[in-house]
Amino acid sequence: MNIVSKSIKKAGGVTKVSKSFGISYQAVQQWVEKGVPAGRVLKLESQSGVSRTLLRPDLYPPEIKTLATGEAKGS
């Protein structure tokens, strides 16, 4: 089961998601194969609790934390 399948399940299943988005059951099933459309990611994130970064890392890459390159403390 991929992350899209898991998010749909967490949001209540294909039928509930399709009704909340106002789209067909089949359209939601296609997300599993083709990915969640860009315009639907945020709503699915809200309904499922699955991060947009996991659903569409191409659109929402993980934040990269870097350390500041300043002078060393204690010198």
C-alpha atoms as a PDB file:
ATOM      1  CA  MET A   1       0.000   0.000   0.000  1.00  0.00           C
ATOM      2  CA  ASN A   2       1.509   3.337  -1.031  1.00  0.00           C
ATOM      3  CA  ILE A   3       1.226   6.653   0.813  1.00  0.00           C
ATOM      4  CA  VAL A   4      -1.680   7.853  -1.334  1.00  0.00           C
ATOM      5  CA  SER A   5      -3.655   4.690  -0.535  1.00  0.00           C
ATOM      6  CA  LYS A   6      -2.923   5.157   3.148  1.00  0.00           C
ATOM      7  CA  SER A   7      -3.993   8.794   3.086  1.00  0.00           C
ATOM      8  CA  ILE A   8      -7.263   7.930   1.334  1.00  0.00           C
ATOM      9  CA  LYS A   9      -7.921   5.238   3.910  1.00  0.00           C
ATOM     10  CA  LYS A  10      -7.141   7.640   6.781  1.00  0.00           C
ATOM     11  CA  ALA A  11      -9.532  10.190   5.256  1.00  0.00           C
ATOM     12  CA  GLY A  12     -12.371   7.656   5.363  1.00  0.00           C
ATOM     13  CA  GLY A  13     -11.954   5.673   2.155  1.00  0.00           C
ATOM     14  CA  VAL A  14     -12.439   6.223  -1.537  1.00  0.00           C
ATOM     15  CA  THR A  15     -16.198   6.821  -1.349  1.00  0.00           C
ATOM     16  CA  LYS A  16     -15.952   9.457   1.375  1.00  0.00           C
ATOM     17  CA  VAL A  17     -13.025  11.220  -0.328  1.00  0.00           C
ATOM     18  CA  SER A  18     -14.753  11.221  -3.718  1.00  0.00           C
ATOM     19  CA  LYS A  19     -17.900  12.736  -2.194  1.00  0.00           C
ATOM     20  CA  SER A  20     -15.989  15.400  -0.269  1.00  0.00           C
ATOM     21  CA  PHE A  21     -14.104  16.418  -3.428  1.00  0.00           C
ATOM     22  CA  GLY A  22     -17.181  16.165  -5.644  1.00  0.00           C
ATOM     23  CA  ILE A  23     -15.477  13.760  -8.032  1.00  0.00           C
ATOM     24  CA  SER A  24     -15.996  10.170  -9.092  1.00  0.00           C
ATOM     25  CA  TYR A  25     -14.887   7.100  -7.185  1.00  0.00           C
ATOM     26  CA  GLN A  26     -12.744   6.172 -10.182  1.00  0.00           C
ATOM     27  CA  ALA A  27     -10.985   9.543 -10.182  1.00  0.00           C
ATOM     28  CA  VAL A  28      -9.871   9.012  -6.584  1.00  0.00           C
ATOM     29  CA  GLN A  29      -8.722   5.481  -7.402  1.00  0.00           C
ATOM     30  CA  GLN A  30      -6.538   6.900 -10.183  1.00  0.00           C
ATOM     31  CA  TRP A  31      -4.620   8.949  -7.624  1.00  0.00           C
ATOM     32  CA  VAL A  32      -3.099   5.726  -6.326  1.00  0.00           C
ATOM     33  CA  GLU A  33      -1.528   5.049  -9.729  1.00  0.00           C
ATOM     34  CA  LYS A  34      -0.911   8.573 -11.023  1.00  0.00           C
ATOM     35  CA  GLY A  35      -0.534  10.636  -7.863  1.00  0.00           C
ATOM     36  CA  VAL A  36      -2.726  13.249  -6.225  1.00  0.00           C
ATOM     37  CA  PRO A  37      -3.411  16.204  -8.533  1.00  0.00           C
ATOM     38  CA  ALA A  38      -1.666  19.381  -7.410  1.00  0.00           C
ATOM     39  CA  GLY A  39      -4.912  21.193  -6.730  1.00  0.00           C
ATOM     40  CA  ARG A  40      -6.157  18.450  -4.405  1.00  0.00           C
ATOM     41  CA  VAL A  41      -3.109  17.881  -2.199  1.00  0.00           C
ATOM     42  CA  LEU A  42      -3.863  20.408   0.527  1.00  0.00           C
ATOM     43  CA  LYS A  43      -7.450  19.253   1.033  1.00  0.00           C
ATOM     44  CA  LEU A  44      -6.387  15.605   1.175  1.00  0.00           C
ATOM     45  CA  GLU A  45      -3.669  16.554   3.664  1.00  0.00           C
ATOM     46  CA  SER A  46      -6.308  18.266   5.805  1.00  0.00           C
ATOM     47  CA  GLN A  47      -8.677  15.301   5.680  1.00  0.00           C
ATOM     48  CA  SER A  48      -6.110  12.550   6.173  1.00  0.00           C
ATOM     49  CA  GLY A  49      -3.408  14.115   8.313  1.00  0.00           C
ATOM     50  CA  VAL A  50      -0.799  12.886   5.824  1.00  0.00           C
ATOM     51  CA  SER A  51       1.779  15.567   5.048  1.00  0.00           C
ATOM     52  CA  ARG A  52       1.763  17.288   1.667  1.00  0.00           C
ATOM     53  CA  THR A  53       5.490  16.515   1.548  1.00  0.00           C
ATOM     54  CA  LEU A  54       4.715  12.797   1.563  1.00  0.00           C
ATOM     55  CA  LEU A  55       1.839  13.119  -0.897  1.00  0.00           C
ATOM     56  CA  ARG A  56       3.675  15.274  -3.468  1.00  0.00           C
ATOM     57  CA  PRO A  57       7.376  15.713  -2.652  1.00  0.00           C
ATOM     58  CA  ASP A  58       7.874  17.138  -6.147  1.00  0.00           C
ATOM     59  CA  LEU A  59       5.681  20.115  -5.200  1.00  0.00           C
ATOM     60  CA  TYR A  60       6.386  20.272  -1.470  1.00  0.00           C
ATOM     61  CA  PRO A  61       9.984  19.160  -0.874  1.00  0.00           C
ATOM     62  CA  PRO A  62      11.092  18.493   2.682  1.00  0.00           C
ATOM     63  CA  GLU A  63      12.615  21.453   4.454  1.00  0.00           C
ATOM     64  CA  ILE A  64      16.372  21.272   4.705  1.00  0.00           C
ATOM     65  CA  LYS A  65      17.751  22.706   7.887  1.00  0.00           C
ATOM     66  CA  THR A  66      21.234  24.106   7.666  1.00  0.00           C
ATOM     67  CA  LEU A  67      23.606  25.378  10.290  1.00  0.00           C
ATOM     68  CA  ALA A  68      24.752  28.966  10.123  1.00  0.00           C
ATOM     69  CA  THR A  69      28.389  29.260   9.130  1.00  0.00           C
ATOM     70  CA  GLY A  70      29.494  31.874  11.646  1.00  0.00           C
ATOM     71  CA  GLU A  71      32.374  32.113  14.006  1.00  0.00           C
ATOM     72  CA  ALA A  72      32.830  29.299  16.463  1.00  0.00           C
ATOM     73  CA  LYS A  73      31.567  30.044  19.940  1.00  0.00           C
ATOM     74  CA  GLY A  74      33.980  30.166  22.805  1.00  0.00           C
ATOM     75  CA  SER A  75      36.891  31.572  20.805  1.00  0.00           C
END
